Structure formats: structure tokens, C-alpha cells
């Protein structure tokens, strides 16, 4: 999920700044004609929500930018902030009054068989969201944040998640359809992908839309949210949980079920890998999460994380998710 084109924004990480729909290629759309003019909501990050990556640097490529090309800095950070719920933080922009501590006590509305039949669907609304091949501490201003090379974009993250789920005996479909050749209508196309897969595979209970984020300051500095796990660098991960507390959407009655899954995932991930997760974002949004009672949207790193870091995070996500889903095994 990238919105790094507009200088009017300081940073995009979570919450509530309205963006007008336009031809700007980095803006999300929703899946129904009734909501095609919906604005995407984001939160301006606050100074206290990021900290420099102070741990001893792991090996990386040392390089100097080509003086003939315009470049700007990349800074490694750890994203934090929000309200403490159990062992993790949540940024709640919904004003819904939802008691998240109480909702955490509710089991997700899924029962996994783990018999190899398809029960999880992985897909990508913004399939071409890309990563860097190496970290040098800078980026060239003309570098592309999108690619159809699925070894260098979010599809590869999905493959890492899939491998861990299958290792645990959980059947997975990874739909790699390209839904963002034009950003206008991306969510309409991924909604069709969702519905086709659900119609063909009645056992699917969990659907996960895998993205990557972007954080860029007004000065053009790009942030790289990073964790060190097991002696390796991983891209930090953010879960987005939608809300329809007032019934404004009209077709999102099961948002609390999705929230229960997201909260439990965040809790288990923090138990296993405390630095992996950014604060969970709970917002008045839908983004195709009305497809099932087990729908999530996951953001893995930013465009200046490396592909290796993002793939590693995918493996960690898959491991955590497998354990969580097996807890609900019938």
C-alpha cells in the first residue's frame, strides 16, 4: 500500500488523514460502485511513534550514491505508539468505543481442519508493490516502487507465508492475479478474485490481502521499519482491522469476527517475535475484509525494505498464523 507520491503528507503509517480519489496511482479504491468515492484514511505519524534503529548494524552493502543522480536518505526505524492492549499496541482511529481488551477474549470465528484442503486464501490487491534488492542507506528519486517481477514484489512474501502454512498441514491458495495494472479499480478486481476463489473452494475461512507500506517525510526521507529477529533483519509488519460500528457500510456485519482474528494474531506474534509487529491499526475501513469472518489486511515493510527482509517476515507471519489457526483446529 503506497502513498509516497504526495508532498502534502508527512508520513503514512496508520489512521486518519483523508485523501481525495484521483488518478494518482498510489490511492486505494473500494470494491463496490456505491463506495467508489471513498477516501482512504491514514494517520500522520507522531514523533514519538518511531525510534531510530539503534541495534548494532548487521552486515549490509556499503555504497556511495552516484553524484550524477539525485538521491535521498533511507533511515531504519522501529515503529511504535498507540494504546497498550495485553502485550501489544493498537492505534484506534474509529471512535467506535470498542473495548479491545474485551474483544481479545473472544475466539476467532474459524475452525480449521488442517486436512490439506484449501482453507486460507492469500491474494494481493496491489500485486506489483515492490522492495529494494539491497540496503545502502539511500535511494535514487527515480527508482521504481512497483514491478511485475514477482520475485521482487509482495507475491514473494505471499509465497513465504504459504510455505509455512503448508508445512503445518494447512491448505492454501495463493492467487497471484495482477490487480493493479491500473490503480483505479484495484479493489473491484481483487473483490472479483476473492469471490471466484470462495465460490470454487467452499472451505476457505481465512483471506489475507498482502501489501507493503510506504513512509516518506516532506523532505523526502524514506523510513525502513526494521526488526532484528534470530540474528537477521526483518521488515516490520502491520495488521489493519476494519470497522463498521455504525453500520455505515451496510455490508460489513462480521467486522468484529475479523477483529478477533487480528487481535489474536497480534497477540501471538508479539509473544513469539516482539519486535516484528508495528501497532495494529483499527480504522473505519473495509477494503474487501467483508468477504469472510476471517479476513485480514497485512502490510509488510516499506518499499525501502529489502526483498530478503520482507520474505523473512513472510516466513515469520506464516509460522505465527499456522500456530494460531491450529489452535482452532476441529
C-alpha atoms as a PDB file:
ATOM      1  CA  UNK A   1       0.000   0.000   0.000  1.00  0.00           C
ATOM      2  CA  UNK A   2       1.947   3.057  -1.138  1.00  0.00           C
ATOM      3  CA  UNK A   3       1.115   6.732  -0.936  1.00  0.00           C
ATOM      4  CA  UNK A   4       4.562   8.238  -1.250  1.00  0.00           C
ATOM      5  CA  UNK A   5       3.841  10.497  -4.208  1.00  0.00           C
ATOM      6  CA  UNK A   6       2.283  13.467  -2.399  1.00  0.00           C
ATOM      7  CA  UNK A   7       4.458  16.052  -0.688  1.00  0.00           C
ATOM      8  CA  UNK A   8       1.457  17.299   1.294  1.00  0.00           C
ATOM      9  CA  UNK A   9       1.708  14.313   3.600  1.00  0.00           C
ATOM     10  CA  UNK A  10       4.385  13.924   6.235  1.00  0.00           C
ATOM     11  CA  UNK A  11       4.108  10.152   6.671  1.00  0.00           C
ATOM     12  CA  UNK A  12       1.666   7.360   6.015  1.00  0.00           C
ATOM     13  CA  UNK A  13       1.561   4.567   8.538  1.00  0.00           C
ATOM     14  CA  UNK A  14      -1.793   4.324  10.250  1.00  0.00           C
ATOM     15  CA  UNK A  15      -5.016   6.143  10.916  1.00  0.00           C
ATOM     16  CA  UNK A  16      -6.829   9.170   9.699  1.00  0.00           C
ATOM     17  CA  UNK A  17      -5.947  11.707   7.027  1.00  0.00           C
ATOM     18  CA  UNK A  18      -8.407  11.839   4.134  1.00  0.00           C
ATOM     19  CA  UNK A  19      -7.134  11.575   0.573  1.00  0.00           C
ATOM     20  CA  UNK A  20      -9.266  12.530  -2.429  1.00  0.00           C
ATOM     21  CA  UNK A  21      -9.747   9.956  -5.141  1.00  0.00           C
ATOM     22  CA  UNK A  22      -7.775  10.868  -8.248  1.00  0.00           C
ATOM     23  CA  UNK A  23      -5.711   9.370 -10.997  1.00  0.00           C
ATOM     24  CA  UNK A  24      -2.736   9.314  -8.636  1.00  0.00           C
ATOM     25  CA  UNK A  25      -1.563   5.708  -8.962  1.00  0.00           C
ATOM     26  CA  UNK A  26      -0.979   5.017  -5.269  1.00  0.00           C
ATOM     27  CA  UNK A  27      -4.531   5.561  -3.993  1.00  0.00           C
ATOM     28  CA  UNK A  28      -6.755   2.684  -2.928  1.00  0.00           C
ATOM     29  CA  UNK A  29     -10.270   2.191  -4.163  1.00  0.00           C
ATOM     30  CA  UNK A  30     -13.028   0.101  -2.664  1.00  0.00           C
ATOM     31  CA  UNK A  31     -14.856  -2.805  -4.217  1.00  0.00           C
ATOM     32  CA  UNK A  32     -18.408  -1.638  -4.845  1.00  0.00           C
ATOM     33  CA  UNK A  33     -19.823   1.049  -7.105  1.00  0.00           C
ATOM     34  CA  UNK A  34     -21.630   2.526  -4.116  1.00  0.00           C
ATOM     35  CA  UNK A  35     -18.289   3.262  -2.434  1.00  0.00           C
ATOM     36  CA  UNK A  36     -16.006   4.155  -5.323  1.00  0.00           C
ATOM     37  CA  UNK A  37     -15.611   7.684  -3.981  1.00  0.00           C
ATOM     38  CA  UNK A  38     -14.498   6.541  -0.541  1.00  0.00           C
ATOM     39  CA  UNK A  39     -11.375   8.262   0.697  1.00  0.00           C
ATOM     40  CA  UNK A  40      -8.540   6.297   2.203  1.00  0.00           C
ATOM     41  CA  UNK A  41      -7.805   7.142   5.812  1.00  0.00           C
ATOM     42  CA  UNK A  42      -4.331   7.474   7.242  1.00  0.00           C
ATOM     43  CA  UNK A  43      -2.750   8.812  10.362  1.00  0.00           C
ATOM     44  CA  UNK A  44       0.052  11.313  10.409  1.00  0.00           C
ATOM     45  CA  UNK A  45       2.761   9.574  12.388  1.00  0.00           C
ATOM     46  CA  UNK A  46       3.884  11.398  15.506  1.00  0.00           C
ATOM     47  CA  UNK A  47       7.480  11.912  16.549  1.00  0.00           C
ATOM     48  CA  UNK A  48       7.040   9.559  19.478  1.00  0.00           C
ATOM     49  CA  UNK A  49       5.816   6.775  17.214  1.00  0.00           C
ATOM     50  CA  UNK A  50       9.199   6.000  15.675  1.00  0.00           C
ATOM     51  CA  UNK A  51      12.598   5.358  17.169  1.00  0.00           C
ATOM     52  CA  UNK A  52      15.938   5.044  15.368  1.00  0.00           C
ATOM     53  CA  UNK A  53      17.214   1.553  14.759  1.00  0.00           C
ATOM     54  CA  UNK A  54      19.920   1.640  17.414  1.00  0.00           C
ATOM     55  CA  UNK A  55      20.941  -2.015  17.477  1.00  0.00           C
ATOM     56  CA  UNK A  56      24.338  -2.996  16.116  1.00  0.00           C
ATOM     57  CA  UNK A  57      24.057  -2.973  12.359  1.00  0.00           C
ATOM     58  CA  UNK A  58      24.041  -6.338  10.675  1.00  0.00           C
ATOM     59  CA  UNK A  59      26.200  -6.750   7.552  1.00  0.00           C
ATOM     60  CA  UNK A  60      24.955  -4.695   4.628  1.00  0.00           C
ATOM     61  CA  UNK A  61      26.259  -3.312   1.382  1.00  0.00           C
ATOM     62  CA  UNK A  62      28.271  -0.125   1.801  1.00  0.00           C
ATOM     63  CA  UNK A  63      27.874   2.227  -1.126  1.00  0.00           C
ATOM     64  CA  UNK A  64      28.004   5.861  -2.068  1.00  0.00           C
ATOM     65  CA  UNK A  65      25.304   7.319  -4.331  1.00  0.00           C
ATOM     66  CA  UNK A  66      26.196   8.253  -7.877  1.00  0.00           C
ATOM     67  CA  UNK A  67      26.696  12.057  -7.730  1.00  0.00           C
ATOM     68  CA  UNK A  68      25.185  12.337 -11.200  1.00  0.00           C
ATOM     69  CA  UNK A  69      21.845  11.033  -9.921  1.00  0.00           C
ATOM     70  CA  UNK A  70      19.508  12.624  -7.385  1.00  0.00           C
ATOM     71  CA  UNK A  71      19.306  10.618  -4.157  1.00  0.00           C
ATOM     72  CA  UNK A  72      17.769  10.981  -0.707  1.00  0.00           C
ATOM     73  CA  UNK A  73      18.312   9.178   2.617  1.00  0.00           C
ATOM     74  CA  UNK A  74      16.758   5.978   3.912  1.00  0.00           C
ATOM     75  CA  UNK A  75      16.544   5.682   7.691  1.00  0.00           C
ATOM     76  CA  UNK A  76      15.957   2.460   9.604  1.00  0.00           C
ATOM     77  CA  UNK A  77      13.398   2.819  12.374  1.00  0.00           C
ATOM     78  CA  UNK A  78      11.158   0.867  14.675  1.00  0.00           C
ATOM     79  CA  UNK A  79       7.516   1.914  14.551  1.00  0.00           C
ATOM     80  CA  UNK A  80       5.676   2.054  17.861  1.00  0.00           C
ATOM     81  CA  UNK A  81       2.946   4.015  19.667  1.00  0.00           C
ATOM     82  CA  UNK A  82      -0.747   3.518  20.280  1.00  0.00           C
ATOM     83  CA  UNK A  83      -2.660   2.125  23.249  1.00  0.00           C
ATOM     84  CA  UNK A  84      -1.414  -0.926  25.131  1.00  0.00           C
ATOM     85  CA  UNK A  85      -3.778  -3.925  24.936  1.00  0.00           C
ATOM     86  CA  UNK A  86      -2.416  -7.019  26.673  1.00  0.00           C
ATOM     87  CA  UNK A  87       1.119  -7.382  25.229  1.00  0.00           C
ATOM     88  CA  UNK A  88       0.719  -5.198  22.136  1.00  0.00           C
ATOM     89  CA  UNK A  89      -0.258  -1.720  20.950  1.00  0.00           C
ATOM     90  CA  UNK A  90      -3.246  -0.622  18.888  1.00  0.00           C
ATOM     91  CA  UNK A  91      -3.882   2.638  17.053  1.00  0.00           C
ATOM     92  CA  UNK A  92      -7.655   3.035  17.194  1.00  0.00           C
ATOM     93  CA  UNK A  93      -8.970   5.807  14.943  1.00  0.00           C
ATOM     94  CA  UNK A  94     -12.560   4.513  14.821  1.00  0.00           C
ATOM     95  CA  UNK A  95     -14.088   6.475  17.744  1.00  0.00           C
ATOM     96  CA  UNK A  96     -16.365   3.417  17.999  1.00  0.00           C
ATOM     97  CA  UNK A  97     -15.892   2.850  21.714  1.00  0.00           C
ATOM     98  CA  UNK A  98     -14.953  -0.774  21.045  1.00  0.00           C
ATOM     99  CA  UNK A  99     -13.435  -2.375  24.148  1.00  0.00           C
ATOM    100  CA  UNK A 100     -10.446  -4.044  22.536  1.00  0.00           C
ATOM    101  CA  UNK A 101      -9.339  -5.801  25.723  1.00  0.00           C
ATOM    102  CA  UNK A 102     -12.736  -7.465  25.945  1.00  0.00           C
ATOM    103  CA  UNK A 103     -12.805  -8.333  22.244  1.00  0.00           C
ATOM    104  CA  UNK A 104      -9.418 -10.006  22.622  1.00  0.00           C
ATOM    105  CA  UNK A 105     -11.110 -12.591  24.879  1.00  0.00           C
ATOM    106  CA  UNK A 106     -13.325 -13.766  22.006  1.00  0.00           C
ATOM    107  CA  UNK A 107     -12.151 -16.679  19.889  1.00  0.00           C
ATOM    108  CA  UNK A 108     -11.946 -16.127  16.117  1.00  0.00           C
ATOM    109  CA  UNK A 109     -14.956 -17.489  14.227  1.00  0.00           C
ATOM    110  CA  UNK A 110     -12.944 -20.119  12.354  1.00  0.00           C
ATOM    111  CA  UNK A 111     -12.421 -23.846  12.718  1.00  0.00           C
ATOM    112  CA  UNK A 112      -9.512 -25.227  10.747  1.00  0.00           C
ATOM    113  CA  UNK A 113      -9.419 -28.870   9.674  1.00  0.00           C
ATOM    114  CA  UNK A 114      -5.762 -28.853   8.559  1.00  0.00           C
ATOM    115  CA  UNK A 115      -6.521 -31.767   6.233  1.00  0.00           C
ATOM    116  CA  UNK A 116      -4.764 -30.206   3.259  1.00  0.00           C
ATOM    117  CA  UNK A 117      -7.942 -28.853   1.658  1.00  0.00           C
ATOM    118  CA  UNK A 118      -7.895 -25.103   0.856  1.00  0.00           C
ATOM    119  CA  UNK A 119      -8.788 -23.122   3.979  1.00  0.00           C
ATOM    120  CA  UNK A 120      -6.640 -19.995   3.516  1.00  0.00           C
ATOM    121  CA  UNK A 121      -6.591 -17.638   0.546  1.00  0.00           C
ATOM    122  CA  UNK A 122      -3.653 -15.285   0.015  1.00  0.00           C
ATOM    123  CA  UNK A 123      -4.034 -12.535  -2.584  1.00  0.00           C
ATOM    124  CA  UNK A 124      -2.814  -9.049  -3.467  1.00  0.00           C
ATOM    125  CA  UNK A 125      -4.933  -6.030  -4.331  1.00  0.00           C
ATOM    126  CA  UNK A 126      -1.726  -4.153  -5.202  1.00  0.00           C
ATOM    127  CA  UNK A 127       0.212  -7.044  -6.662  1.00  0.00           C
ATOM    128  CA  UNK A 128       3.142  -5.049  -8.034  1.00  0.00           C
ATOM    129  CA  UNK A 129       4.222  -3.350  -4.784  1.00  0.00           C
ATOM    130  CA  UNK A 130       7.977  -3.867  -4.773  1.00  0.00           C
ATOM    131  CA  UNK A 131      11.013  -3.918  -2.494  1.00  0.00           C
ATOM    132  CA  UNK A 132      14.663  -2.976  -2.845  1.00  0.00           C
ATOM    133  CA  UNK A 133      17.298  -5.569  -3.687  1.00  0.00           C
ATOM    134  CA  UNK A 134      19.743  -4.165  -1.113  1.00  0.00           C
ATOM    135  CA  UNK A 135      20.002  -1.560   1.643  1.00  0.00           C
ATOM    136  CA  UNK A 136      22.570   1.182   1.107  1.00  0.00           C
ATOM    137  CA  UNK A 137      21.180   3.997   3.249  1.00  0.00           C
ATOM    138  CA  UNK A 138      19.853   5.999   0.277  1.00  0.00           C
ATOM    139  CA  UNK A 139      17.517   5.725  -2.676  1.00  0.00           C
ATOM    140  CA  UNK A 140      17.513   7.322  -6.094  1.00  0.00           C
ATOM    141  CA  UNK A 141      14.493   9.569  -6.567  1.00  0.00           C
ATOM    142  CA  UNK A 142      13.670   7.964  -9.915  1.00  0.00           C
ATOM    143  CA  UNK A 143      13.638   4.386  -8.595  1.00  0.00           C
ATOM    144  CA  UNK A 144      10.513   2.359  -9.233  1.00  0.00           C
ATOM    145  CA  UNK A 145       8.411   1.269  -6.265  1.00  0.00           C
ATOM    146  CA  UNK A 146       6.464  -1.212  -8.426  1.00  0.00           C
ATOM    147  CA  UNK A 147       7.413  -4.205 -10.524  1.00  0.00           C
ATOM    148  CA  UNK A 148       5.779  -7.071 -12.380  1.00  0.00           C
ATOM    149  CA  UNK A 149       8.742  -9.280 -11.375  1.00  0.00           C
ATOM    150  CA  UNK A 150       7.027 -11.420  -8.756  1.00  0.00           C
ATOM    151  CA  UNK A 151      10.373 -12.413  -7.262  1.00  0.00           C
ATOM    152  CA  UNK A 152      10.775  -8.782  -6.164  1.00  0.00           C
ATOM    153  CA  UNK A 153       7.287  -7.804  -5.005  1.00  0.00           C
ATOM    154  CA  UNK A 154       4.641  -8.760  -2.447  1.00  0.00           C
ATOM    155  CA  UNK A 155       3.891 -12.004  -4.287  1.00  0.00           C
ATOM    156  CA  UNK A 156       7.186 -13.395  -2.987  1.00  0.00           C
ATOM    157  CA  UNK A 157       6.092 -12.515   0.563  1.00  0.00           C
ATOM    158  CA  UNK A 158       2.897 -14.463  -0.075  1.00  0.00           C
ATOM    159  CA  UNK A 159       4.930 -17.470  -1.189  1.00  0.00           C
ATOM    160  CA  UNK A 160       6.867 -17.379   2.096  1.00  0.00           C
ATOM    161  CA  UNK A 161       3.629 -17.297   4.093  1.00  0.00           C
ATOM    162  CA  UNK A 162       2.179 -20.117   2.010  1.00  0.00           C
ATOM    163  CA  UNK A 163       5.205 -22.347   2.570  1.00  0.00           C
ATOM    164  CA  UNK A 164       4.906 -22.095   6.363  1.00  0.00           C
ATOM    165  CA  UNK A 165       1.157 -22.770   6.340  1.00  0.00           C
ATOM    166  CA  UNK A 166       1.559 -25.802   4.093  1.00  0.00           C
ATOM    167  CA  UNK A 167       4.362 -27.080   6.305  1.00  0.00           C
ATOM    168  CA  UNK A 168       1.800 -27.089   9.129  1.00  0.00           C
ATOM    169  CA  UNK A 169      -0.693 -29.053   7.023  1.00  0.00           C
ATOM    170  CA  UNK A 170      -2.974 -26.108   6.252  1.00  0.00           C
ATOM    171  CA  UNK A 171      -4.238 -25.938   2.681  1.00  0.00           C
ATOM    172  CA  UNK A 172      -3.504 -22.622   0.938  1.00  0.00           C
ATOM    173  CA  UNK A 173      -4.422 -20.970  -2.335  1.00  0.00           C
ATOM    174  CA  UNK A 174      -2.107 -18.138  -3.328  1.00  0.00           C
ATOM    175  CA  UNK A 175      -3.810 -16.149  -6.075  1.00  0.00           C
ATOM    176  CA  UNK A 176      -1.155 -14.059  -7.819  1.00  0.00           C
ATOM    177  CA  UNK A 177      -3.535 -12.262 -10.187  1.00  0.00           C
ATOM    178  CA  UNK A 178      -2.276  -8.782 -11.040  1.00  0.00           C
ATOM    179  CA  UNK A 179      -4.989  -6.387  -9.878  1.00  0.00           C
ATOM    180  CA  UNK A 180      -3.149  -3.077 -10.119  1.00  0.00           C
ATOM    181  CA  UNK A 181      -2.113  -2.557 -13.723  1.00  0.00           C
ATOM    182  CA  UNK A 182      -4.364   0.445 -13.143  1.00  0.00           C
ATOM    183  CA  UNK A 183      -4.798   1.503  -9.522  1.00  0.00           C
ATOM    184  CA  UNK A 184      -8.297   2.756 -10.260  1.00  0.00           C
ATOM    185  CA  UNK A 185     -10.463  -0.282  -9.653  1.00  0.00           C
ATOM    186  CA  UNK A 186      -7.818  -2.389  -7.919  1.00  0.00           C
ATOM    187  CA  UNK A 187     -10.186  -3.290  -5.118  1.00  0.00           C
ATOM    188  CA  UNK A 188     -13.011  -4.104  -7.535  1.00  0.00           C
ATOM    189  CA  UNK A 189     -10.696  -6.525  -9.316  1.00  0.00           C
ATOM    190  CA  UNK A 190      -9.400  -8.130  -6.130  1.00  0.00           C
ATOM    191  CA  UNK A 191     -13.006  -8.454  -4.909  1.00  0.00           C
ATOM    192  CA  UNK A 192     -13.738 -10.485  -8.031  1.00  0.00           C
ATOM    193  CA  UNK A 193     -10.646 -12.608  -7.346  1.00  0.00           C
ATOM    194  CA  UNK A 194     -11.891 -13.193  -3.811  1.00  0.00           C
ATOM    195  CA  UNK A 195     -15.385 -14.180  -4.878  1.00  0.00           C
ATOM    196  CA  UNK A 196     -14.152 -16.533  -7.601  1.00  0.00           C
ATOM    197  CA  UNK A 197     -11.909 -18.348  -5.147  1.00  0.00           C
ATOM    198  CA  UNK A 198     -14.576 -18.539  -2.449  1.00  0.00           C
ATOM    199  CA  UNK A 199     -17.090 -19.928  -4.959  1.00  0.00           C
ATOM    200  CA  UNK A 200     -14.635 -22.585  -6.133  1.00  0.00           C
ATOM    201  CA  UNK A 201     -13.409 -23.517  -2.650  1.00  0.00           C
ATOM    202  CA  UNK A 202     -16.160 -23.552  -0.035  1.00  0.00           C
ATOM    203  CA  UNK A 203     -13.732 -24.498   2.744  1.00  0.00           C
ATOM    204  CA  UNK A 204     -11.828 -21.177   2.658  1.00  0.00           C
ATOM    205  CA  UNK A 205     -12.219 -19.468   6.030  1.00  0.00           C
ATOM    206  CA  UNK A 206      -9.313 -17.004   6.083  1.00  0.00           C
ATOM    207  CA  UNK A 207      -8.499 -14.452   3.386  1.00  0.00           C
ATOM    208  CA  UNK A 208      -5.391 -12.278   3.615  1.00  0.00           C
ATOM    209  CA  UNK A 209      -4.594  -9.315   1.377  1.00  0.00           C
ATOM    210  CA  UNK A 210      -0.811  -8.830   1.457  1.00  0.00           C
ATOM    211  CA  UNK A 211       0.598  -5.348   0.860  1.00  0.00           C
ATOM    212  CA  UNK A 212       3.644  -3.305   1.651  1.00  0.00           C
ATOM    213  CA  UNK A 213       3.545   0.214   3.083  1.00  0.00           C
ATOM    214  CA  UNK A 214       5.435   3.460   2.478  1.00  0.00           C
ATOM    215  CA  UNK A 215       6.677   6.129   4.885  1.00  0.00           C
ATOM    216  CA  UNK A 216       8.131   9.310   3.435  1.00  0.00           C
ATOM    217  CA  UNK A 217       8.780  12.672   5.104  1.00  0.00           C
ATOM    218  CA  UNK A 218       8.137  16.042   3.499  1.00  0.00           C
ATOM    219  CA  UNK A 219      11.893  16.288   2.999  1.00  0.00           C
ATOM    220  CA  UNK A 220      11.854  13.016   1.056  1.00  0.00           C
ATOM    221  CA  UNK A 221      13.482  10.786   3.674  1.00  0.00           C
ATOM    222  CA  UNK A 222      12.078   7.263   3.410  1.00  0.00           C
ATOM    223  CA  UNK A 223      11.700   5.176   6.549  1.00  0.00           C
ATOM    224  CA  UNK A 224      12.543   1.491   6.673  1.00  0.00           C
ATOM    225  CA  UNK A 225      10.752  -0.217   9.598  1.00  0.00           C
ATOM    226  CA  UNK A 226      13.090  -2.976  10.719  1.00  0.00           C
ATOM    227  CA  UNK A 227      13.342  -5.626  13.424  1.00  0.00           C
ATOM    228  CA  UNK A 228      16.217  -7.928  14.295  1.00  0.00           C
ATOM    229  CA  UNK A 229      14.971 -11.471  14.843  1.00  0.00           C
ATOM    230  CA  UNK A 230      17.202 -14.503  15.198  1.00  0.00           C
ATOM    231  CA  UNK A 231      20.254 -12.522  14.143  1.00  0.00           C
ATOM    232  CA  UNK A 232      18.608 -11.415  10.894  1.00  0.00           C
ATOM    233  CA  UNK A 233      16.834  -8.281   9.766  1.00  0.00           C
ATOM    234  CA  UNK A 234      13.108  -8.500   9.150  1.00  0.00           C
ATOM    235  CA  UNK A 235      10.672  -5.937   7.762  1.00  0.00           C
ATOM    236  CA  UNK A 236       8.220  -4.822  10.425  1.00  0.00           C
ATOM    237  CA  UNK A 237       4.620  -5.899   9.856  1.00  0.00           C
ATOM    238  CA  UNK A 238       1.326  -4.061  10.393  1.00  0.00           C
ATOM    239  CA  UNK A 239      -2.162  -5.556  10.607  1.00  0.00           C
ATOM    240  CA  UNK A 240      -5.112  -3.424   9.520  1.00  0.00           C
ATOM    241  CA  UNK A 241      -8.508  -4.323  11.047  1.00  0.00           C
ATOM    242  CA  UNK A 242     -11.632  -2.672   9.639  1.00  0.00           C
ATOM    243  CA  UNK A 243     -14.695  -1.424  11.471  1.00  0.00           C
ATOM    244  CA  UNK A 244     -18.355  -0.679  10.746  1.00  0.00           C
ATOM    245  CA  UNK A 245     -19.645   0.096  14.230  1.00  0.00           C
ATOM    246  CA  UNK A 246     -22.350   2.458  12.946  1.00  0.00           C
ATOM    247  CA  UNK A 247     -23.440   0.230  10.088  1.00  0.00           C
ATOM    248  CA  UNK A 248     -22.465   2.894   7.556  1.00  0.00           C
ATOM    249  CA  UNK A 249     -21.080   0.362   5.081  1.00  0.00           C
ATOM    250  CA  UNK A 250     -24.217  -1.750   5.232  1.00  0.00           C
ATOM    251  CA  UNK A 251     -22.461  -4.922   4.032  1.00  0.00           C
ATOM    252  CA  UNK A 252     -19.842  -5.468   6.730  1.00  0.00           C
ATOM    253  CA  UNK A 253     -21.761  -7.173   9.580  1.00  0.00           C
ATOM    254  CA  UNK A 254     -18.911  -9.503  10.595  1.00  0.00           C
ATOM    255  CA  UNK A 255     -16.218  -6.917  11.250  1.00  0.00           C
ATOM    256  CA  UNK A 256     -15.957  -7.963  14.910  1.00  0.00           C
ATOM    257  CA  UNK A 257     -15.098 -11.517  13.828  1.00  0.00           C
ATOM    258  CA  UNK A 258     -12.272 -10.146  11.702  1.00  0.00           C
ATOM    259  CA  UNK A 259     -11.130  -8.016  14.626  1.00  0.00           C
ATOM    260  CA  UNK A 260     -10.969 -11.070  16.902  1.00  0.00           C
ATOM    261  CA  UNK A 261      -8.647 -12.820  14.446  1.00  0.00           C
ATOM    262  CA  UNK A 262      -6.460  -9.736  14.025  1.00  0.00           C
ATOM    263  CA  UNK A 263      -6.160  -9.189  17.787  1.00  0.00           C
ATOM    264  CA  UNK A 264      -5.243 -12.817  18.411  1.00  0.00           C
ATOM    265  CA  UNK A 265      -2.697 -12.746  15.592  1.00  0.00           C
ATOM    266  CA  UNK A 266      -1.081  -9.611  17.008  1.00  0.00           C
ATOM    267  CA  UNK A 267      -1.015 -11.125  20.489  1.00  0.00           C
ATOM    268  CA  UNK A 268       0.636 -14.366  19.348  1.00  0.00           C
ATOM    269  CA  UNK A 269       3.127 -12.578  17.092  1.00  0.00           C
ATOM    270  CA  UNK A 270       4.197 -10.366  19.973  1.00  0.00           C
ATOM    271  CA  UNK A 271       4.641 -13.420  22.174  1.00  0.00           C
ATOM    272  CA  UNK A 272       6.949 -15.090  19.653  1.00  0.00           C
ATOM    273  CA  UNK A 273       8.654 -12.115  17.963  1.00  0.00           C
ATOM    274  CA  UNK A 274       8.046  -8.906  19.953  1.00  0.00           C
ATOM    275  CA  UNK A 275       9.830  -6.532  17.562  1.00  0.00           C
ATOM    276  CA  UNK A 276       8.232  -7.895  14.391  1.00  0.00           C
ATOM    277  CA  UNK A 277       4.902  -6.104  14.698  1.00  0.00           C
ATOM    278  CA  UNK A 278       4.058  -2.451  14.306  1.00  0.00           C
ATOM    279  CA  UNK A 279       0.991  -1.300  16.273  1.00  0.00           C
ATOM    280  CA  UNK A 280      -2.237  -2.811  14.944  1.00  0.00           C
ATOM    281  CA  UNK A 281      -4.311  -0.274  13.018  1.00  0.00           C
ATOM    282  CA  UNK A 282      -8.048  -0.337  13.831  1.00  0.00           C
ATOM    283  CA  UNK A 283      -9.842   2.023  11.464  1.00  0.00           C
ATOM    284  CA  UNK A 284     -13.213   2.801   9.880  1.00  0.00           C
ATOM    285  CA  UNK A 285     -12.387   0.941   6.693  1.00  0.00           C
ATOM    286  CA  UNK A 286     -13.431  -2.148   4.757  1.00  0.00           C
ATOM    287  CA  UNK A 287     -11.012  -2.939   1.906  1.00  0.00           C
ATOM    288  CA  UNK A 288     -12.639  -6.287   0.983  1.00  0.00           C
ATOM    289  CA  UNK A 289     -12.481  -7.504   4.571  1.00  0.00           C
ATOM    290  CA  UNK A 290     -16.235  -8.132   4.383  1.00  0.00           C
ATOM    291  CA  UNK A 291     -15.558 -11.256   2.312  1.00  0.00           C
ATOM    292  CA  UNK A 292     -15.317 -13.696   5.255  1.00  0.00           C
ATOM    293  CA  UNK A 293     -15.303 -13.820   9.039  1.00  0.00           C
ATOM    294  CA  UNK A 294     -11.546 -14.342   8.880  1.00  0.00           C
ATOM    295  CA  UNK A 295     -10.325 -11.523   6.640  1.00  0.00           C
ATOM    296  CA  UNK A 296      -7.139  -9.548   7.287  1.00  0.00           C
ATOM    297  CA  UNK A 297      -5.018  -6.957   5.517  1.00  0.00           C
ATOM    298  CA  UNK A 298      -1.286  -7.200   6.220  1.00  0.00           C
ATOM    299  CA  UNK A 299       1.378  -4.594   5.424  1.00  0.00           C
ATOM    300  CA  UNK A 300       4.931  -5.989   5.232  1.00  0.00           C
ATOM    301  CA  UNK A 301       7.644  -3.337   5.392  1.00  0.00           C
ATOM    302  CA  UNK A 302       8.008  -0.411   3.000  1.00  0.00           C
ATOM    303  CA  UNK A 303       9.480  -0.035  -0.468  1.00  0.00           C
ATOM    304  CA  UNK A 304      12.941   0.545   1.029  1.00  0.00           C
ATOM    305  CA  UNK A 305      12.999  -2.699   2.970  1.00  0.00           C
ATOM    306  CA  UNK A 306      14.877  -5.365   1.077  1.00  0.00           C
ATOM    307  CA  UNK A 307      13.204  -8.320  -0.588  1.00  0.00           C
ATOM    308  CA  UNK A 308      15.143 -10.678   1.688  1.00  0.00           C
ATOM    309  CA  UNK A 309      13.844  -8.877   4.781  1.00  0.00           C
ATOM    310  CA  UNK A 310      10.271  -8.981   3.513  1.00  0.00           C
ATOM    311  CA  UNK A 311      10.471 -12.678   2.618  1.00  0.00           C
ATOM    312  CA  UNK A 312      11.856 -13.443   6.065  1.00  0.00           C
ATOM    313  CA  UNK A 313       8.932 -11.577   7.624  1.00  0.00           C
ATOM    314  CA  UNK A 314       6.607 -13.603   5.420  1.00  0.00           C
ATOM    315  CA  UNK A 315       8.024 -16.803   6.885  1.00  0.00           C
ATOM    316  CA  UNK A 316       7.564 -15.463  10.426  1.00  0.00           C
ATOM    317  CA  UNK A 317       3.987 -14.384   9.626  1.00  0.00           C
ATOM    318  CA  UNK A 318       3.240 -17.834   8.236  1.00  0.00           C
ATOM    319  CA  UNK A 319       4.674 -19.523  11.303  1.00  0.00           C
ATOM    320  CA  UNK A 320       2.612 -17.379  13.684  1.00  0.00           C
ATOM    321  CA  UNK A 321      -0.535 -17.733  11.602  1.00  0.00           C
ATOM    322  CA  UNK A 322      -0.166 -21.508  11.395  1.00  0.00           C
ATOM    323  CA  UNK A 323       0.076 -21.792  15.167  1.00  0.00           C
ATOM    324  CA  UNK A 324      -2.926 -19.501  15.619  1.00  0.00           C
ATOM    325  CA  UNK A 325      -5.074 -21.391  13.122  1.00  0.00           C
ATOM    326  CA  UNK A 326      -4.125 -24.777  14.554  1.00  0.00           C
ATOM    327  CA  UNK A 327      -5.350 -23.516  17.926  1.00  0.00           C
ATOM    328  CA  UNK A 328      -8.796 -23.508  16.294  1.00  0.00           C
ATOM    329  CA  UNK A 329      -8.467 -26.968  14.747  1.00  0.00           C
ATOM    330  CA  UNK A 330     -11.651 -29.066  14.969  1.00  0.00           C
END
